Each structure stands twice: as C-alpha cells, then as structure tokens.
Amino acid sequence: MFTLDEGFADRVFAYCRERLALDPVPLDFGSVRGLSPRHLDGFITTDGRSPDDVLEMFIRELAEHVISTDSSKFLAFIPNAPTKASLLFDMVVACSGLNGTSWLESAGAVVAENHTLEFLARTAGMPAGSGGAFVSGGTIANLSALTVARDIGAARHPEIDRHRLCVAVSEESHSSVGAALHILGLEAFVVPTSDHRLTRADLVAAMSGNPQAANIIAVVATAGTTNAGIIDDLEGLGEFARSQGLWFHIDGAYGGAGILSDRLAPRLTGIRHADSFVIDPHKWLFAPLDCAGLLYREPHLARAVHTQHAGYLDVLHAAPDTPEWNPSDYAIHLSRRPRGLALWFSLATHGTTAYARAIDAGLDLAQYAADAIHRCSATKLLRVPELTNVLFTRHGWTTEDYQRWSTSLLERQIAFVAPSVWEGEPCGRLSFLHPDVPLSVIDNIVATLTEPEF
C-alpha cells in the first residue's frame, strides 16, 4: 500500500496533464444524467482491484456526473475558477504529505501561508500585526470569528445572560452566519434595510428605543452578499461598532477580493475597522477548493479562544526561540492541510496585477450580461450588478419554469445556471468569476430565454 507503482503514477499524471490542458473545460452533467446511488455496490472488495480499473471507473463513469467548477460555463452559485498554477501546486501539496497544523511540524508552510495572509490584510487596510489562518470555507471562518466575538462580548458584559447576547445582522447576511449564531447560542438582531444594504443609519434606527439593543455585542457586515453582490456600509458600520465597543465582523467571502481592484477598493476601505475579516480565495482569488482566509485585527484574542489544550499538544506551544504561529490556534480546527499554499504559489507566480485584471474582467462580464438581459424583451433586470451577480426575471415564469430552464441549459451543455429567489419571488441568476467566459456563452443563455418551449 505504501510502495509507489511507477506505471500507475505515470497514468495518473498523464490524466492530470490531459485534464489541465482541456480548453475549454467541459461542463459535464452533474445529476441531470441518471446515476444510481447504488452504482458502486460491491466495488470495494476484500482483495482490492487493479488501480487502473478503479481509475477507469472514475474517468468513464463518475467524472461526467460531476460539474466542472473550472469550466467557463459554470455560472451558478459563486463559481470556483482556480488558476492552472494553483491546481498544479495543489498537487504538489497533496503529494508532499504536508500537515499545516503547527509551527513545529510545518514552519515552511506556515511562513508561506502567513506571507499571503499578511498581504491580504495589508491590502485590505488592516493594521500591522493582523493575522489568522486559512480554513476550509466561509462557514467555518464565520463560525470561528463569531466564537471569538461571543467570548469577548461575554467577558465585556458579564451582566448579560450569555443566552441573551445578540449580534446585529442584515437579512442579506450569508446563511452560515445564522447557522453560526444558532450553534453559539446567540440571538440574531436582524436590522431592516431599505434596499438590501446594511448601513449605519439602519443599525442606529433599529437599535433606537429597542431594549434588546443593550444586549448587542457584535455587528456583522457583508462585503458582497451572496445573492446580489451588495456591499454594506462598511465604513459607517465599522466606525459605529468601534465607537460602541462592539466586535465588527466582515464577511467578505465573495466580494472581499475586490480589495485588489482599483474599481472596487474605494468601496472596501471600511475593512480597516474589522476585528475579524473573512475572504475566500476559492471564490474570486482563483484558488482551488477549499480555501478561506480568516483574519483577526488582534490575533491573540482568537488564540486565547481557539487554542486546544492537551498533554499531547503541549509540545506545539513549547518550542523555544521560535516565532511560534500555529494555524490551529485561530479557528475551529486542529489537523489541517496547508490549503493556503496553492494561493501563495499562484499569487507569487502571476503577480497582483494579473489578479486585479482577472477580477475586473468578471465585473465587465456581469455588466455585459446585465445589458443583454436589459435589452431582451422577455426579461427584466432586477438591479444593476455591483459585483458579478446578475439577477433577472423572465416574464410569467414560475419556480418550476426556472428549474426546467436550468436543467435544459445543463443537458444541452450551454451553461450551469441555478435559479434563485429575490424579494420572495423566483428569479434567474448568473454569477461570473472566471475571467475567460466567452461572450457567446452569455449570448446563448439570453437567447434561450426567448425560445418557444420556455
């Protein structure tokens, strides 16, 4: 089991080379081509199979049932569009058997990851000394950050019952924020907004005269809401939170990458006020899944909350004369792969200018799609895109119509588009991140919206 089969390694590398060289990357079919949950019954046996047979099973019978997130036709949810350099280096990380838990085990990996986190913090305007760790995604990042917010808030306000502590959020906050508050036993203080954008004025108005406001310990703002790509009033909310002694958390999992774009950076200056900030490189920073950056203004606060203690872990915190930094101390995790290395390698390889251009290309694609939908007589553009999500309605369509249209697009390999809901009504949604989406793909999608069968 632990001896390299040179011949099989060559076949695996040949497949990887072939897959990486695909241009364009095929979309494939996900679940729209029937695959029985029992398809692999009996495939795992007592004596095993030839590795070539198992690889062939994956290539011929499983791979086409997985939609390729790196396809330029993947326009659903928030896409994942990793650079080829990041994918290749992710292979290096996997083949190297690296554990990114601690400084003791993996100082080389930690240095590179922290170099990348420091770059992101500096670009976002956070103060020197900010730091954290790469985690699996925005959900764990938000949960980890809000865990620190809870403990800091509880320590500052011992007079408030822990189960009555509140966190101010918008209705547009990511679903993981609500889930985190539930797990942590915190109440959501939901702030009404006039146009889906949380502002300082909205928060002040909601708190005025509300007895529950006295229990608020933190404010969550969003830099790029998942559905519509709306950037909250980061500057105003940040200033208010700091003036009131409230923890200020910014979920920039999607739109936080705009800090690299001259077109978006002026709208993200409020990140400098953040006590914690989330940015997902596996979204708009073109890294492989699964990679989210979690940054703290004062990392020692997070370390006090998240460091795990046990006799077998004491050695991780006792290394003499070293700039100890254990990624396991800054989030809800222990053993971890050094998932930030692929981003580090790609950033160092391509340079930040290339990243800025790729981000701006997504903005341009979204605007092109919005203009095309606006011109189409069968559709209505719901709002001008702020980032790269385009929301629209097709006149007369129901939820079932949108789903049928989405399935047809995937079956015909035109694109992968997932319907959504806006203000309680079903709608269509295009999400752009890949900078090389052909304009013809957008034209083809819009053309299907006027086809008679729909």
Protein backbone atom coordinates (compact mmCIF):
# COMPACT_ATOMS: atom_id res chain seq x y z
CA MET A 1 0.00 0.00 0.00
CA PHE A 2 2.91 2.38 0.58
CA THR A 3 5.10 1.44 -2.37
CA LEU A 4 4.89 3.62 -5.46
CA ASP A 5 3.58 1.91 -8.60
CA GLU A 6 5.62 3.87 -11.16
CA GLY A 7 3.47 2.78 -14.09
CA PHE A 8 0.24 3.77 -12.41
CA ALA A 9 1.76 7.08 -11.28
CA ASP A 10 2.57 7.82 -14.92
CA ARG A 11 -1.03 7.08 -15.90
CA VAL A 12 -2.38 9.33 -13.15
CA PHE A 13 -0.06 12.18 -14.14
CA ALA A 14 -0.99 11.68 -17.79
CA TYR A 15 -4.68 12.00 -16.90
CA CYS A 16 -3.98 15.12 -14.82
CA ARG A 17 -1.98 16.66 -17.64
CA GLU A 18 -4.78 15.90 -20.10
CA ARG A 19 -7.38 17.33 -17.74
CA LEU A 20 -5.41 20.50 -17.10
CA ALA A 21 -4.87 21.02 -20.83
CA LEU A 22 -8.57 20.96 -21.72
CA ASP A 23 -9.56 24.21 -23.41
CA PRO A 24 -12.37 24.86 -22.99
CA VAL A 25 -13.01 22.78 -19.92
CA PRO A 26 -16.17 20.71 -20.49
CA LEU A 27 -19.06 21.45 -18.19
CA ASP A 28 -20.23 17.83 -17.69
CA PHE A 29 -23.61 16.88 -16.33
CA GLY A 30 -23.79 16.56 -12.55
CA SER A 31 -27.02 14.83 -11.63
CA VAL A 32 -29.02 15.50 -14.81
CA ARG A 33 -27.75 12.26 -16.33
CA GLY A 34 -29.10 9.48 -14.17
CA LEU A 35 -26.68 7.92 -11.71
CA SER A 36 -27.97 5.38 -9.23
CA PRO A 37 -26.89 5.84 -5.60
CA ARG A 38 -26.14 2.10 -5.73
CA HIS A 39 -23.88 2.40 -8.78
CA LEU A 40 -20.78 1.30 -6.88
CA ASP A 41 -22.34 -1.51 -4.85
CA GLY A 42 -19.77 -4.23 -4.39
CA PHE A 43 -16.94 -2.21 -5.91
CA ILE A 44 -14.90 -2.29 -2.69
CA THR A 45 -13.84 -5.91 -2.14
CA THR A 46 -11.74 -7.83 0.35
CA ASP A 47 -8.83 -8.30 -2.06
CA GLY A 48 -8.98 -4.99 -3.93
CA ARG A 49 -8.87 -4.21 -7.65
CA SER A 50 -6.35 -3.07 -10.19
CA PRO A 51 -5.71 0.66 -9.73
CA ASP A 52 -6.13 1.05 -13.49
CA ASP A 53 -9.64 -0.39 -13.23
CA VAL A 54 -10.54 1.97 -10.40
CA LEU A 55 -9.16 4.98 -12.27
CA GLU A 56 -11.04 3.91 -15.37
CA MET A 57 -14.26 3.68 -13.35
CA PHE A 58 -13.76 7.27 -12.22
CA ILE A 59 -12.89 8.61 -15.68
CA ARG A 60 -15.56 6.79 -17.66
CA GLU A 61 -18.47 6.51 -15.25
CA LEU A 62 -18.15 9.05 -12.44
CA ALA A 63 -16.36 12.15 -13.71
CA GLU A 64 -19.10 13.21 -16.13
CA HIS A 65 -21.55 13.24 -13.22
CA VAL A 66 -19.53 15.99 -11.51
CA ILE A 67 -19.97 19.51 -12.92
CA SER A 68 -16.59 21.11 -13.54
CA THR A 69 -16.33 24.24 -11.44
CA ASP A 70 -13.38 25.42 -13.53
CA SER A 71 -15.48 25.46 -16.70
CA SER A 72 -16.14 28.93 -18.10
CA LYS A 73 -19.78 27.81 -18.42
CA PHE A 74 -20.14 27.33 -14.66
CA LEU A 75 -22.25 30.37 -13.76
CA ALA A 76 -24.16 29.07 -10.73
CA PHE A 77 -23.82 29.91 -7.05
CA ILE A 78 -20.42 31.61 -6.61
CA PRO A 79 -18.13 29.74 -9.02
CA ASN A 80 -14.70 28.35 -8.39
CA ALA A 81 -12.19 29.21 -11.11
CA PRO A 82 -8.72 28.12 -9.97
CA THR A 83 -5.67 29.10 -11.97
CA LYS A 84 -3.71 26.29 -13.58
CA ALA A 85 -0.74 27.26 -11.41
CA SER A 86 -2.79 26.85 -8.23
CA LEU A 87 -4.13 23.48 -9.34
CA LEU A 88 -0.66 22.23 -10.15
CA PHE A 89 0.74 23.38 -6.84
CA ASP A 90 -2.19 21.83 -5.01
CA MET A 91 -0.95 18.55 -6.49
CA VAL A 92 2.50 19.30 -5.05
CA VAL A 93 0.93 19.88 -1.63
CA ALA A 94 -1.06 16.64 -1.85
CA CYS A 95 1.92 14.59 -2.98
CA SER A 96 4.14 16.08 -0.27
CA GLY A 97 2.02 14.81 2.61
CA LEU A 98 2.04 18.15 4.40
CA ASN A 99 0.28 18.85 7.68
CA GLY A 100 -0.29 22.54 8.28
CA THR A 101 -1.34 22.32 11.92
CA SER A 102 1.59 23.88 13.73
CA TRP A 103 4.85 25.77 13.50
CA LEU A 104 6.66 22.75 14.94
CA GLU A 105 5.54 20.46 12.12
CA SER A 106 5.36 22.81 9.17
CA ALA A 107 7.16 26.10 9.68
CA GLY A 108 7.87 26.34 5.95
CA ALA A 109 4.21 26.06 5.04
CA VAL A 110 3.14 28.43 7.83
CA VAL A 111 5.62 31.09 6.69
CA ALA A 112 4.23 30.99 3.14
CA GLU A 113 0.61 30.98 4.28
CA ASN A 114 1.20 33.84 6.70
CA HIS A 115 3.04 35.78 4.00
CA THR A 116 -0.14 35.52 1.93
CA LEU A 117 -2.42 36.43 4.83
CA GLU A 118 -0.25 39.45 5.64
CA PHE A 119 -0.53 40.57 2.03
CA LEU A 120 -4.33 40.28 2.14
CA ALA A 121 -4.53 42.11 5.49
CA ARG A 122 -2.25 44.91 4.30
CA THR A 123 -4.16 45.30 1.03
CA ALA A 124 -7.43 45.43 2.97
CA GLY A 125 -6.07 48.20 5.20
CA MET A 126 -5.96 46.17 8.39
CA PRO A 127 -3.22 47.17 10.85
CA ALA A 128 0.20 45.58 11.10
CA GLY A 129 0.07 42.50 13.27
CA SER A 130 -3.25 41.28 11.88
CA GLY A 131 -3.24 37.57 11.18
CA GLY A 132 -5.09 34.31 11.32
CA ALA A 133 -5.31 31.13 9.31
CA PHE A 134 -6.67 29.53 6.20
CA VAL A 135 -9.71 27.35 6.85
CA SER A 136 -11.95 25.20 4.69
CA GLY A 137 -14.55 27.81 3.77
CA GLY A 138 -16.61 30.81 4.78
CA THR A 139 -18.89 28.77 7.01
CA ILE A 140 -16.08 27.65 9.33
CA ALA A 141 -14.47 31.09 9.08
CA ASN A 142 -17.65 32.87 10.16
CA LEU A 143 -18.26 30.36 12.95
CA SER A 144 -14.70 30.70 14.21
CA ALA A 145 -14.74 34.51 14.14
CA LEU A 146 -18.12 34.75 15.84
CA THR A 147 -16.95 32.34 18.53
CA VAL A 148 -14.26 34.85 19.43
CA ALA A 149 -16.80 37.69 19.24
CA ARG A 150 -19.08 35.83 21.65
CA ASP A 151 -16.38 35.16 24.21
CA ILE A 152 -15.03 38.72 24.04
CA GLY A 153 -18.56 40.14 24.29
CA ALA A 154 -19.44 37.91 27.23
CA ALA A 155 -16.26 38.93 29.05
CA ARG A 156 -17.01 42.61 28.48
CA HIS A 157 -20.63 42.28 29.61
CA PRO A 158 -20.86 39.74 32.45
CA GLU A 159 -24.13 41.38 33.49
CA ILE A 160 -25.88 39.98 30.38
CA ASP A 161 -27.02 36.36 30.37
CA ARG A 162 -24.92 34.56 27.74
CA HIS A 163 -28.05 33.21 26.07
CA ARG A 164 -29.38 36.74 25.60
CA LEU A 165 -26.30 38.10 23.84
CA CYS A 166 -27.16 39.46 20.41
CA VAL A 167 -25.36 40.02 17.12
CA ALA A 168 -26.64 42.64 14.69
CA VAL A 169 -27.07 41.22 11.18
CA SER A 170 -28.81 42.04 7.93
CA GLU A 171 -31.44 39.93 6.23
CA GLU A 172 -28.86 39.51 3.45
CA SER A 173 -26.20 38.00 5.73
CA HIS A 174 -24.92 34.67 4.49
CA SER A 175 -26.82 31.62 5.67
CA SER A 176 -23.73 30.46 7.57
CA VAL A 177 -23.96 33.50 9.86
CA GLY A 178 -27.40 32.45 11.05
CA ALA A 179 -26.19 28.89 11.47
CA ALA A 180 -23.19 30.09 13.49
CA LEU A 181 -25.36 32.15 15.81
CA HIS A 182 -27.60 29.13 16.39
CA ILE A 183 -24.63 26.91 17.21
CA LEU A 184 -23.15 29.54 19.53
CA GLY A 185 -26.38 30.21 21.37
CA LEU A 186 -26.53 33.85 20.26
CA GLU A 187 -29.59 35.78 19.16
CA ALA A 188 -29.77 37.49 15.78
CA PHE A 189 -30.72 41.16 15.98
CA VAL A 190 -32.00 41.46 12.41
CA VAL A 191 -31.74 45.01 11.10
CA PRO A 192 -34.28 46.03 8.43
CA THR A 193 -32.78 47.74 5.36
CA SER A 194 -34.36 49.89 2.69
CA ASP A 195 -32.57 48.37 -0.30
CA HIS A 196 -30.89 45.20 0.98
CA ARG A 197 -27.77 47.15 2.01
CA LEU A 198 -27.00 47.39 5.71
CA THR A 199 -25.99 50.92 6.71
CA ARG A 200 -25.02 52.71 9.87
CA ALA A 201 -28.29 54.64 9.75
CA ASP A 202 -30.24 51.38 9.52
CA LEU A 203 -28.44 49.96 12.55
CA VAL A 204 -28.85 53.10 14.65
CA ALA A 205 -32.56 53.30 13.79
CA ALA A 206 -33.14 49.65 14.64
CA MET A 207 -31.35 49.99 17.98
CA SER A 208 -33.09 53.22 18.98
CA GLY A 209 -35.65 52.50 21.69
CA ASN A 210 -35.24 48.73 21.38
CA PRO A 211 -34.42 47.17 24.76
CA GLN A 212 -32.72 44.24 23.02
CA ALA A 213 -30.11 46.65 21.66
CA ALA A 214 -28.38 46.70 25.04
CA ASN A 215 -27.51 43.03 24.51
CA ILE A 216 -25.72 43.53 21.17
CA ILE A 217 -22.07 42.54 21.35
CA ALA A 218 -21.16 42.41 17.65
CA VAL A 219 -22.09 43.65 14.20
CA VAL A 220 -21.79 41.55 11.05
CA ALA A 221 -21.41 43.36 7.72
CA THR A 222 -21.11 41.81 4.29
CA ALA A 223 -18.68 42.74 1.53
CA GLY A 224 -20.57 41.23 -1.37
CA THR A 225 -23.82 39.49 -0.46
CA THR A 226 -24.07 36.03 -1.94
CA ASN A 227 -27.30 36.53 -3.85
CA ALA A 228 -26.93 40.02 -5.32
CA GLY A 229 -23.34 41.04 -4.59
CA ILE A 230 -24.22 44.06 -2.43
CA ILE A 231 -21.52 45.75 -0.34
CA ASP A 232 -22.74 47.01 3.03
CA ASP A 233 -21.80 50.38 4.53
CA LEU A 234 -18.51 49.06 5.87
CA GLU A 235 -17.12 52.47 6.74
CA GLY A 236 -20.15 53.70 8.67
CA LEU A 237 -20.84 50.40 10.39
CA GLY A 238 -17.19 49.99 11.33
CA GLU A 239 -16.93 53.45 12.84
CA PHE A 240 -20.13 52.93 14.80
CA ALA A 241 -19.12 49.49 16.06
CA ARG A 242 -15.76 50.77 17.29
CA SER A 243 -17.38 53.78 19.00
CA GLN A 244 -19.75 51.45 20.85
CA GLY A 245 -17.18 48.79 21.78
CA LEU A 246 -18.83 46.19 19.55
CA TRP A 247 -16.96 43.45 17.71
CA PHE A 248 -17.03 44.24 13.99
CA HIS A 249 -17.02 41.21 11.72
CA ILE A 250 -16.94 41.48 7.93
CA ASP A 251 -17.96 38.53 5.79
CA GLY A 252 -16.10 39.25 2.56
CA ALA A 253 -16.02 35.64 1.43
CA TYR A 254 -17.21 36.63 -2.03
CA GLY A 255 -16.58 40.32 -2.60
CA GLY A 256 -13.60 40.86 -0.32
CA ALA A 257 -11.28 40.05 -3.24
CA GLY A 258 -12.28 43.44 -4.65
CA ILE A 259 -9.51 44.93 -2.49
CA LEU A 260 -7.18 44.09 -5.39
CA SER A 261 -9.25 46.06 -7.91
CA ASP A 262 -8.86 49.82 -8.27
CA ARG A 263 -12.52 49.91 -9.28
CA LEU A 264 -13.75 48.28 -6.08
CA ALA A 265 -11.13 49.06 -3.44
CA PRO A 266 -12.57 52.53 -2.59
CA ARG A 267 -15.82 50.84 -1.53
CA LEU A 268 -13.99 48.43 0.75
CA THR A 269 -11.91 50.83 2.84
CA GLY A 270 -14.09 50.12 5.86
CA ILE A 271 -12.41 46.74 6.21
CA ARG A 272 -9.72 48.57 8.15
CA HIS A 273 -12.17 48.76 11.07
CA ALA A 274 -12.75 45.00 11.18
CA ASP A 275 -11.98 42.92 14.25
CA SER A 276 -12.35 39.87 12.03
CA PHE A 277 -12.50 39.57 8.26
CA VAL A 278 -13.26 36.61 6.00
CA ILE A 279 -12.13 36.33 2.38
CA ASP A 280 -12.47 33.16 0.30
CA PRO A 281 -9.61 32.66 -2.18
CA HIS A 282 -11.53 29.74 -3.67
CA LYS A 283 -14.01 32.28 -4.94
CA TRP A 284 -12.69 35.49 -6.51
CA LEU A 285 -9.00 34.86 -5.90
CA PHE A 286 -8.87 31.85 -8.21
CA ALA A 287 -7.60 29.24 -5.74
CA PRO A 288 -8.74 25.60 -5.59
CA LEU A 289 -11.42 24.45 -3.21
CA ASP A 290 -11.34 24.51 -0.21
CA CYS A 291 -9.71 27.72 0.94
CA ALA A 292 -10.95 30.63 3.06
CA GLY A 293 -8.80 33.25 4.73
CA LEU A 294 -9.72 34.29 8.28
CA LEU A 295 -8.00 37.41 9.61
CA TYR A 296 -8.14 39.00 13.06
CA ARG A 297 -7.18 42.52 14.00
CA GLU A 298 -5.76 41.20 17.27
CA PRO A 299 -4.88 37.54 16.70
CA HIS A 300 -4.02 36.95 20.36
CA LEU A 301 -7.72 37.26 21.18
CA ALA A 302 -8.55 34.43 18.81
CA ARG A 303 -5.66 32.37 20.08
CA ALA A 304 -6.95 32.60 23.63
CA VAL A 305 -10.30 31.24 22.47
CA HIS A 306 -9.31 28.59 19.94
CA THR A 307 -6.07 27.04 21.23
CA GLN A 308 -6.70 23.41 22.15
CA HIS A 309 -5.03 22.12 25.29
CA ALA A 310 -3.97 18.55 25.99
CA GLY A 311 -0.86 16.78 27.20
CA TYR A 312 -0.09 15.58 23.70
CA LEU A 313 -0.40 19.14 22.34
CA ASP A 314 1.78 20.93 24.89
CA VAL A 315 4.81 20.43 22.67
CA LEU A 316 3.23 22.63 20.00
CA HIS A 317 3.35 25.58 22.39
CA ALA A 318 6.74 24.98 23.94
CA ALA A 319 9.15 25.41 21.05
CA PRO A 320 11.96 27.66 22.37
CA ASP A 321 13.33 30.65 20.47
CA THR A 322 10.90 30.43 17.54
CA PRO A 323 8.34 32.85 16.13
CA GLU A 324 5.64 30.35 17.05
CA TRP A 325 2.47 30.58 14.97
CA ASN A 326 0.14 27.62 14.96
CA PRO A 327 -2.71 27.90 12.44
CA SER A 328 -4.66 25.52 14.64
CA ASP A 329 -4.89 28.29 17.27
CA TYR A 330 -7.05 30.64 15.21
CA ALA A 331 -10.12 28.68 14.17
CA ILE A 332 -12.25 25.65 14.91
CA HIS A 333 -9.86 23.04 13.55
CA LEU A 334 -6.75 21.13 14.54
CA SER A 335 -5.24 18.90 11.86
CA ARG A 336 -5.36 20.71 8.55
CA ARG A 337 -3.81 20.68 5.12
CA PRO A 338 -1.86 23.87 4.29
CA ARG A 339 -4.60 24.98 1.93
CA GLY A 340 -3.19 28.47 1.53
CA LEU A 341 -0.08 27.29 -0.32
CA ALA A 342 -1.76 26.98 -3.72
CA LEU A 343 -2.87 30.62 -3.48
CA TRP A 344 0.61 31.69 -2.36
CA PHE A 345 2.19 29.93 -5.33
CA SER A 346 -0.25 31.36 -7.86
CA LEU A 347 -0.03 34.90 -6.48
CA ALA A 348 3.76 34.78 -6.48
CA THR A 349 3.79 33.31 -9.99
CA HIS A 350 1.32 35.61 -11.72
CA GLY A 351 1.65 38.80 -9.68
CA THR A 352 -1.06 41.00 -8.25
CA THR A 353 -1.65 42.98 -11.46
CA ALA A 354 -2.83 39.84 -13.24
CA TYR A 355 -5.22 39.13 -10.37
CA ALA A 356 -6.62 42.67 -10.49
CA ARG A 357 -7.22 42.34 -14.22
CA ALA A 358 -8.95 38.99 -13.77
CA ILE A 359 -11.24 40.45 -11.08
CA ASP A 360 -12.09 43.41 -13.31
CA ALA A 361 -12.85 41.02 -16.17
CA GLY A 362 -15.58 39.47 -14.02
CA LEU A 363 -17.10 42.91 -13.47
CA ASP A 364 -17.10 43.53 -17.21
CA LEU A 365 -18.75 40.18 -17.94
CA ALA A 366 -21.50 40.86 -15.42
CA GLN A 367 -22.18 44.24 -16.97
CA TYR A 368 -22.30 42.70 -20.46
CA ALA A 369 -24.83 40.14 -19.24
CA ALA A 370 -26.90 42.80 -17.47
CA ASP A 371 -27.02 44.89 -20.65
CA ALA A 372 -28.06 41.87 -22.72
CA ILE A 373 -30.84 40.98 -20.29
CA HIS A 374 -32.00 44.60 -20.18
CA ARG A 375 -32.31 44.60 -23.97
CA CYS A 376 -34.21 41.30 -24.06
CA SER A 377 -37.97 41.86 -24.34
CA ALA A 378 -38.73 38.67 -22.42
CA THR A 379 -36.77 39.59 -19.30
CA LYS A 380 -36.40 42.25 -16.64
CA LEU A 381 -33.11 43.13 -14.95
CA LEU A 382 -33.79 43.28 -11.21
CA ARG A 383 -30.86 45.50 -10.29
CA VAL A 384 -27.66 46.84 -11.75
CA PRO A 385 -24.88 44.46 -10.62
CA GLU A 386 -22.49 45.83 -8.02
CA LEU A 387 -20.12 42.90 -8.35
CA THR A 388 -20.56 39.90 -10.62
CA ASN A 389 -24.02 38.53 -9.82
CA VAL A 390 -26.83 39.34 -12.24
CA LEU A 391 -30.43 38.89 -11.08
CA PHE A 392 -33.33 38.94 -13.54
CA THR A 393 -36.83 37.67 -14.11
CA ARG A 394 -38.40 36.07 -17.17
CA HIS A 395 -41.91 37.42 -17.59
CA GLY A 396 -44.53 34.94 -16.45
CA TRP A 397 -42.19 32.25 -15.20
CA THR A 398 -42.77 30.19 -12.07
CA THR A 399 -40.22 28.39 -9.93
CA GLU A 400 -40.81 25.27 -12.00
CA ASP A 401 -40.10 27.18 -15.23
CA TYR A 402 -36.76 28.44 -13.95
CA GLN A 403 -35.80 24.95 -12.82
CA ARG A 404 -36.80 23.42 -16.15
CA TRP A 405 -34.77 26.07 -17.97
CA SER A 406 -31.75 25.47 -15.73
CA THR A 407 -31.91 21.71 -16.34
CA SER A 408 -32.20 22.24 -20.09
CA LEU A 409 -29.14 24.52 -20.15
CA LEU A 410 -27.10 21.87 -18.39
CA GLU A 411 -28.38 18.99 -20.51
CA ARG A 412 -27.51 20.95 -23.65
CA GLN A 413 -24.14 21.96 -22.15
CA ILE A 414 -24.87 25.65 -22.73
CA ALA A 415 -24.14 26.56 -19.11
CA PHE A 416 -24.77 25.66 -15.50
CA VAL A 417 -27.12 28.27 -14.04
CA ALA A 418 -29.02 27.87 -10.76
CA PRO A 419 -32.29 29.73 -10.15
CA SER A 420 -32.67 31.90 -7.07
CA VAL A 421 -35.25 33.93 -5.16
CA TRP A 422 -35.41 37.72 -4.86
CA GLU A 423 -37.83 39.55 -2.61
CA GLY A 424 -39.88 36.40 -2.26
CA GLU A 425 -40.21 35.72 -5.99
CA PRO A 426 -38.34 33.22 -8.18
CA CYS A 427 -35.71 34.63 -10.48
CA GLY A 428 -32.74 33.78 -12.65
CA ARG A 429 -29.19 34.43 -11.53
CA LEU A 430 -25.90 34.49 -13.40
CA SER A 431 -22.70 34.57 -11.37
CA PHE A 432 -19.39 35.43 -13.02
CA LEU A 433 -15.89 34.89 -11.66
CA HIS A 434 -13.96 33.12 -14.41
CA PRO A 435 -12.32 35.92 -16.42
CA ASP A 436 -12.44 33.97 -19.68
CA VAL A 437 -16.17 33.37 -20.06
CA PRO A 438 -16.81 33.81 -23.81
CA LEU A 439 -19.36 36.48 -24.61
CA SER A 440 -21.01 33.91 -26.86
CA VAL A 441 -21.91 31.88 -23.76
CA ILE A 442 -23.81 34.85 -22.37
CA ASP A 443 -25.48 35.48 -25.73
CA ASN A 444 -26.55 31.84 -25.94
CA ILE A 445 -28.03 31.90 -22.44
CA VAL A 446 -30.03 35.05 -23.12
CA ALA A 447 -31.23 33.62 -26.44
CA THR A 448 -32.74 30.60 -24.68
CA LEU A 449 -34.92 32.92 -22.63
CA THR A 450 -36.97 33.67 -25.74
CA GLU A 451 -37.24 30.09 -27.01
CA PRO A 452 -40.87 28.98 -27.54
CA GLU A 453 -40.59 25.94 -25.25
CA PHE A 454 -39.87 28.28 -22.37
